[in-house]
Amino acid sequence: MKRRTTRQMVRVLSDIRRSANCRALRAAAVIREMELAEIEAEEEERESRDTAREEAWDKPSWRTS
């Protein structure tokens, strides 16, 4: 095994911590994106239902009383 200086070991440990932090931040960002996509999908579904309901009310009735 190659001998490393203290400075090299500190740099390696710093890189490991930074990469762990970056992974955690990326994971949190991905989770948030998934939540936002789910919310947007629900809103679009709700809007499409509302639009369909409005279109049904706007159609003329062929029945006569």
PDB file of N, CA and C in Angstrom:
ATOM      1  N   MET A   1       0.832  -1.173   0.000  1.00  0.00           N
ATOM      2  CA  MET A   1       0.000   0.000   0.000  1.00  0.00           C
ATOM      3  C   MET A   1       0.880   1.240   0.000  1.00  0.00           C
ATOM      4  N   LYS A   2       0.447   2.211  -0.743  1.00  0.00           N
ATOM      5  CA  LYS A   2       1.219   3.435  -0.875  1.00  0.00           C
ATOM      6  C   LYS A   2       1.040   4.308   0.371  1.00  0.00           C
ATOM      7  N   ARG A   3       2.131   4.869   0.847  1.00  0.00           N
ATOM      8  CA  ARG A   3       2.047   5.759   2.005  1.00  0.00           C
ATOM      9  C   ARG A   3       1.531   7.116   1.576  1.00  0.00           C
ATOM     10  N   ARG A   4       0.651   7.655   2.344  1.00  0.00           N
ATOM     11  CA  ARG A   4       0.091   8.960   2.027  1.00  0.00           C
ATOM     12  C   ARG A   4       0.437   9.939   3.136  1.00  0.00           C
ATOM     13  N   THR A   5       0.578  11.172   2.751  1.00  0.00           N
ATOM     14  CA  THR A   5       0.853  12.197   3.754  1.00  0.00           C
ATOM     15  C   THR A   5      -0.448  12.579   4.438  1.00  0.00           C
ATOM     16  N   THR A   6      -0.333  13.275   5.526  1.00  0.00           N
ATOM     17  CA  THR A   6      -1.510  13.720   6.261  1.00  0.00           C
ATOM     18  C   THR A   6      -2.362  14.641   5.393  1.00  0.00           C
ATOM     19  N   ARG A   7      -1.722  15.512   4.664  1.00  0.00           N
ATOM     20  CA  ARG A   7      -2.440  16.445   3.795  1.00  0.00           C
ATOM     21  C   ARG A   7      -3.263  15.703   2.744  1.00  0.00           C
ATOM     22  N   GLN A   8      -2.694  14.640   2.180  1.00  0.00           N
ATOM     23  CA  GLN A   8      -3.417  13.852   1.183  1.00  0.00           C
ATOM     24  C   GLN A   8      -4.619  13.158   1.813  1.00  0.00           C
ATOM     25  N   MET A   9      -4.438  12.642   3.022  1.00  0.00           N
ATOM     26  CA  MET A   9      -5.542  11.960   3.709  1.00  0.00           C
ATOM     27  C   MET A   9      -6.673  12.946   4.026  1.00  0.00           C
ATOM     28  N   VAL A  10      -6.301  14.140   4.468  1.00  0.00           N
ATOM     29  CA  VAL A  10      -7.311  15.156   4.764  1.00  0.00           C
ATOM     30  C   VAL A  10      -8.074  15.519   3.497  1.00  0.00           C
ATOM     31  N   ARG A  11      -7.364  15.643   2.381  1.00  0.00           N
ATOM     32  CA  ARG A  11      -8.009  15.961   1.115  1.00  0.00           C
ATOM     33  C   ARG A  11      -8.965  14.840   0.699  1.00  0.00           C
ATOM     34  N   VAL A  12      -8.559  13.602   0.855  1.00  0.00           N
ATOM     35  CA  VAL A  12      -9.411  12.460   0.497  1.00  0.00           C
ATOM     36  C   VAL A  12     -10.664  12.449   1.372  1.00  0.00           C
ATOM     37  N   LEU A  13     -10.497  12.663   2.666  1.00  0.00           N
ATOM     38  CA  LEU A  13     -11.658  12.689   3.564  1.00  0.00           C
ATOM     39  C   LEU A  13     -12.596  13.843   3.215  1.00  0.00           C
ATOM     40  N   SER A  14     -12.034  14.980   2.879  1.00  0.00           N
ATOM     41  CA  SER A  14     -12.848  16.130   2.482  1.00  0.00           C
ATOM     42  C   SER A  14     -13.636  15.806   1.220  1.00  0.00           C
ATOM     43  N   ASP A  15     -12.998  15.162   0.256  1.00  0.00           N
ATOM     44  CA  ASP A  15     -13.678  14.779  -0.987  1.00  0.00           C
ATOM     45  C   ASP A  15     -14.808  13.798  -0.716  1.00  0.00           C
ATOM     46  N   ILE A  16     -14.573  12.863   0.194  1.00  0.00           N
ATOM     47  CA  ILE A  16     -15.612  11.872   0.535  1.00  0.00           C
ATOM     48  C   ILE A  16     -16.804  12.576   1.168  1.00  0.00           C
ATOM     49  N   ARG A  17     -16.541  13.494   2.100  1.00  0.00           N
ATOM     50  CA  ARG A  17     -17.640  14.228   2.745  1.00  0.00           C
ATOM     51  C   ARG A  17     -18.411  15.063   1.728  1.00  0.00           C
ATOM     52  N   ARG A  18     -17.679  15.742   0.851  1.00  0.00           N
ATOM     53  CA  ARG A  18     -18.319  16.588  -0.142  1.00  0.00           C
ATOM     54  C   ARG A  18     -19.178  15.761  -1.081  1.00  0.00           C
ATOM     55  N   SER A  19     -18.670  14.612  -1.501  1.00  0.00           N
ATOM     56  CA  SER A  19     -19.455  13.782  -2.416  1.00  0.00           C
ATOM     57  C   SER A  19     -20.704  13.234  -1.725  1.00  0.00           C
ATOM     58  N   ALA A  20     -20.578  12.904  -0.440  1.00  0.00           N
ATOM     59  CA  ALA A  20     -21.757  12.433   0.303  1.00  0.00           C
ATOM     60  C   ALA A  20     -22.785  13.548   0.407  1.00  0.00           C
ATOM     61  N   ASN A  21     -22.310  14.767   0.649  1.00  0.00           N
ATOM     62  CA  ASN A  21     -23.218  15.909   0.741  1.00  0.00           C
ATOM     63  C   ASN A  21     -23.890  16.164  -0.604  1.00  0.00           C
ATOM     64  N   CYS A  22     -23.121  16.092  -1.672  1.00  0.00           N
ATOM     65  CA  CYS A  22     -23.681  16.308  -3.019  1.00  0.00           C
ATOM     66  C   CYS A  22     -24.723  15.240  -3.347  1.00  0.00           C
ATOM     67  N   ARG A  23     -24.446  13.993  -2.979  1.00  0.00           N
ATOM     68  CA  ARG A  23     -25.411  12.915  -3.226  1.00  0.00           C
ATOM     69  C   ARG A  23     -26.699  13.175  -2.470  1.00  0.00           C
ATOM     70  N   ALA A  24     -26.572  13.622  -1.213  1.00  0.00           N
ATOM     71  CA  ALA A  24     -27.761  13.901  -0.410  1.00  0.00           C
ATOM     72  C   ALA A  24     -28.560  15.049  -1.018  1.00  0.00           C
ATOM     73  N   LEU A  25     -27.860  16.088  -1.472  1.00  0.00           N
ATOM     74  CA  LEU A  25     -28.551  17.218  -2.089  1.00  0.00           C
ATOM     75  C   LEU A  25     -29.243  16.808  -3.385  1.00  0.00           C
ATOM     76  N   ARG A  26     -28.568  15.994  -4.195  1.00  0.00           N
ATOM     77  CA  ARG A  26     -29.179  15.527  -5.438  1.00  0.00           C
ATOM     78  C   ARG A  26     -30.397  14.668  -5.155  1.00  0.00           C
ATOM     79  N   ALA A  27     -30.291  13.797  -4.155  1.00  0.00           N
ATOM     80  CA  ALA A  27     -31.424  12.933  -3.808  1.00  0.00           C
ATOM     81  C   ALA A  27     -32.608  13.775  -3.341  1.00  0.00           C
ATOM     82  N   ALA A  28     -32.340  14.789  -2.531  1.00  0.00           N
ATOM     83  CA  ALA A  28     -33.414  15.659  -2.059  1.00  0.00           C
ATOM     84  C   ALA A  28     -34.055  16.403  -3.223  1.00  0.00           C
ATOM     85  N   ALA A  29     -33.229  16.848  -4.181  1.00  0.00           N
ATOM     86  CA  ALA A  29     -33.761  17.549  -5.347  1.00  0.00           C
ATOM     87  C   ALA A  29     -34.625  16.631  -6.195  1.00  0.00           C
ATOM     88  N   VAL A  30     -34.204  15.392  -6.355  1.00  0.00           N
ATOM     89  CA  VAL A  30     -34.982  14.430  -7.149  1.00  0.00           C
ATOM     90  C   VAL A  30     -36.318  14.153  -6.478  1.00  0.00           C
ATOM     91  N   ILE A  31     -36.296  13.978  -5.173  1.00  0.00           N
ATOM     92  CA  ILE A  31     -37.543  13.723  -4.436  1.00  0.00           C
ATOM     93  C   ILE A  31     -38.494  14.906  -4.584  1.00  0.00           C
ATOM     94  N   ARG A  32     -37.955  16.122  -4.465  1.00  0.00           N
ATOM     95  CA  ARG A  32     -38.793  17.321  -4.604  1.00  0.00           C
ATOM     96  C   ARG A  32     -39.367  17.430  -6.016  1.00  0.00           C
ATOM     97  N   GLU A  33     -38.572  17.118  -7.026  1.00  0.00           N
ATOM     98  CA  GLU A  33     -39.057  17.149  -8.410  1.00  0.00           C
ATOM     99  C   GLU A  33     -40.191  16.147  -8.604  1.00  0.00           C
ATOM    100  N   MET A  34     -40.047  14.965  -8.009  1.00  0.00           N
ATOM    101  CA  MET A  34     -41.095  13.949  -8.132  1.00  0.00           C
ATOM    102  C   MET A  34     -42.382  14.430  -7.460  1.00  0.00           C
ATOM    103  N   GLU A  35     -42.250  15.081  -6.294  1.00  0.00           N
ATOM    104  CA  GLU A  35     -43.430  15.603  -5.605  1.00  0.00           C
ATOM    105  C   GLU A  35     -44.111  16.679  -6.440  1.00  0.00           C
ATOM    106  N   LEU A  36     -43.311  17.573  -7.021  1.00  0.00           N
ATOM    107  CA  LEU A  36     -43.884  18.638  -7.850  1.00  0.00           C
ATOM    108  C   LEU A  36     -44.567  18.071  -9.085  1.00  0.00           C
ATOM    109  N   ALA A  37     -43.980  17.060  -9.698  1.00  0.00           N
ATOM    110  CA  ALA A  37     -44.590  16.436 -10.872  1.00  0.00           C
ATOM    111  C   ALA A  37     -45.927  15.797 -10.505  1.00  0.00           C
ATOM    112  N   GLU A  38     -45.984  15.177  -9.354  1.00  0.00           N
ATOM    113  CA  GLU A  38     -47.227  14.548  -8.899  1.00  0.00           C
ATOM    114  C   GLU A  38     -48.305  15.612  -8.663  1.00  0.00           C
ATOM    115  N   ILE A  39     -47.918  16.723  -8.035  1.00  0.00           N
ATOM    116  CA  ILE A  39     -48.868  17.804  -7.776  1.00  0.00           C
ATOM    117  C   ILE A  39     -49.375  18.387  -9.093  1.00  0.00           C
ATOM    118  N   GLU A  40     -48.470  18.603 -10.043  1.00  0.00           N
ATOM    119  CA  GLU A  40     -48.874  19.143 -11.345  1.00  0.00           C
ATOM    120  C   GLU A  40     -49.806  18.186 -12.074  1.00  0.00           C
ATOM    121  N   ALA A  41     -49.543  16.896 -11.990  1.00  0.00           N
ATOM    122  CA  ALA A  41     -50.405  15.913 -12.647  1.00  0.00           C
ATOM    123  C   ALA A  41     -51.806  15.938 -12.040  1.00  0.00           C
ATOM    124  N   GLU A  42     -51.872  16.060 -10.722  1.00  0.00           N
ATOM    125  CA  GLU A  42     -53.176  16.134 -10.060  1.00  0.00           C
ATOM    126  C   GLU A  42     -53.930  17.394 -10.478  1.00  0.00           C
ATOM    127  N   GLU A  43     -53.208  18.518 -10.563  1.00  0.00           N
ATOM    128  CA  GLU A  43     -53.851  19.765 -10.979  1.00  0.00           C
ATOM    129  C   GLU A  43     -54.362  19.672 -12.408  1.00  0.00           C
ATOM    130  N   GLU A  44     -53.571  19.083 -13.304  1.00  0.00           N
ATOM    131  CA  GLU A  44     -54.010  18.933 -14.692  1.00  0.00           C
ATOM    132  C   GLU A  44     -55.231  18.031 -14.788  1.00  0.00           C
ATOM    133  N   GLU A  45     -55.246  16.970 -13.986  1.00  0.00           N
ATOM    134  CA  GLU A  45     -56.393  16.059 -13.989  1.00  0.00           C
ATOM    135  C   GLU A  45     -57.638  16.790 -13.479  1.00  0.00           C
ATOM    136  N   ARG A  46     -57.471  17.561 -12.425  1.00  0.00           N
ATOM    137  CA  ARG A  46     -58.587  18.318 -11.868  1.00  0.00           C
ATOM    138  C   ARG A  46     -59.097  19.342 -12.890  1.00  0.00           C
ATOM    139  N   GLU A  47     -58.174  20.016 -13.573  1.00  0.00           N
ATOM    140  CA  GLU A  47     -58.566  20.998 -14.575  1.00  0.00           C
ATOM    141  C   GLU A  47     -59.287  20.334 -15.746  1.00  0.00           C
ATOM    142  N   SER A  48     -58.828  19.160 -16.156  1.00  0.00           N
ATOM    143  CA  SER A  48     -59.483  18.478 -17.271  1.00  0.00           C
ATOM    144  C   SER A  48     -60.888  18.038 -16.881  1.00  0.00           C
ATOM    145  N   ARG A  49     -61.066  17.634 -15.622  1.00  0.00           N
ATOM    146  CA  ARG A  49     -62.408  17.265 -15.161  1.00  0.00           C
ATOM    147  C   ARG A  49     -63.306  18.493 -15.131  1.00  0.00           C
ATOM    148  N   ASP A  50     -62.763  19.619 -14.643  1.00  0.00           N
ATOM    149  CA  ASP A  50     -63.555  20.851 -14.599  1.00  0.00           C
ATOM    150  C   ASP A  50     -63.930  21.296 -16.008  1.00  0.00           C
ATOM    151  N   THR A  51     -63.002  21.200 -16.946  1.00  0.00           N
ATOM    152  CA  THR A  51     -63.264  21.588 -18.333  1.00  0.00           C
ATOM    153  C   THR A  51     -64.332  20.699 -18.938  1.00  0.00           C
ATOM    154  N   ALA A  52     -64.244  19.401 -18.675  1.00  0.00           N
ATOM    155  CA  ALA A  52     -65.244  18.468 -19.205  1.00  0.00           C
ATOM    156  C   ALA A  52     -66.617  18.788 -18.625  1.00  0.00           C
ATOM    157  N   ARG A  53     -66.657  19.126 -17.346  1.00  0.00           N
ATOM    158  CA  ARG A  53     -67.912  19.464 -16.697  1.00  0.00           C
ATOM    159  C   ARG A  53     -68.490  20.745 -17.309  1.00  0.00           C
ATOM    160  N   GLU A  54     -67.617  21.748 -17.546  1.00  0.00           N
ATOM    161  CA  GLU A  54     -68.085  23.004 -18.143  1.00  0.00           C
ATOM    162  C   GLU A  54     -68.589  22.778 -19.558  1.00  0.00           C
ATOM    163  N   GLU A  55     -67.903  21.922 -20.322  1.00  0.00           N
ATOM    164  CA  GLU A  55     -68.335  21.646 -21.682  1.00  0.00           C
ATOM    165  C   GLU A  55     -69.691  20.957 -21.693  1.00  0.00           C
ATOM    166  N   ALA A  56     -69.926  20.097 -20.706  1.00  0.00           N
ATOM    167  CA  ALA A  56     -71.212  19.412 -20.626  1.00  0.00           C
ATOM    168  C   ALA A  56     -72.325  20.421 -20.353  1.00  0.00           C
ATOM    169  N   TRP A  57     -72.063  21.426 -19.551  1.00  0.00           N
ATOM    170  CA  TRP A  57     -73.070  22.439 -19.248  1.00  0.00           C
ATOM    171  C   TRP A  57     -73.296  23.381 -20.438  1.00  0.00           C
ATOM    172  N   ASP A  58     -72.258  23.569 -21.249  1.00  0.00           N
ATOM    173  CA  ASP A  58     -72.362  24.490 -22.376  1.00  0.00           C
ATOM    174  C   ASP A  58     -73.086  23.878 -23.579  1.00  0.00           C
ATOM    175  N   LYS A  59     -73.200  22.573 -23.621  1.00  0.00           N
ATOM    176  CA  LYS A  59     -73.840  21.921 -24.762  1.00  0.00           C
ATOM    177  C   LYS A  59     -75.356  22.194 -24.732  1.00  0.00           C
ATOM    178  N   PRO A  60     -75.922  22.432 -25.886  1.00  0.00           N
ATOM    179  CA  PRO A  60     -77.375  22.664 -25.917  1.00  0.00           C
ATOM    180  C   PRO A  60     -78.122  21.348 -25.669  1.00  0.00           C
ATOM    181  N   SER A  61     -79.194  21.479 -25.017  1.00  0.00           N
ATOM    182  CA  SER A  61     -80.004  20.312 -24.723  1.00  0.00           C
ATOM    183  C   SER A  61     -80.954  20.057 -25.889  1.00  0.00           C
ATOM    184  N   TRP A  62     -81.060  18.824 -26.313  1.00  0.00           N
ATOM    185  CA  TRP A  62     -81.930  18.482 -27.436  1.00  0.00           C
ATOM    186  C   TRP A  62     -83.321  18.109 -26.957  1.00  0.00           C
ATOM    187  N   ARG A  63     -83.410  17.960 -25.639  1.00  0.00           N
ATOM    188  CA  ARG A  63     -84.738  17.649 -25.116  1.00  0.00           C
ATOM    189  C   ARG A  63     -85.567  18.922 -25.027  1.00  0.00           C
ATOM    190  N   THR A  64     -86.802  18.797 -25.310  1.00  0.00           N
ATOM    191  CA  THR A  64     -87.705  19.941 -25.145  1.00  0.00           C
ATOM    192  C   THR A  64     -88.787  19.525 -24.178  1.00  0.00           C
ATOM    193  N   SER A  65     -89.148  20.439 -23.338  1.00  0.00           N
ATOM    194  CA  SER A  65     -90.175  20.113 -22.347  1.00  0.00           C
ATOM    195  C   SER A  65     -91.488  20.725 -22.719  1.00  0.00           C
TER     196      SER A  65
END
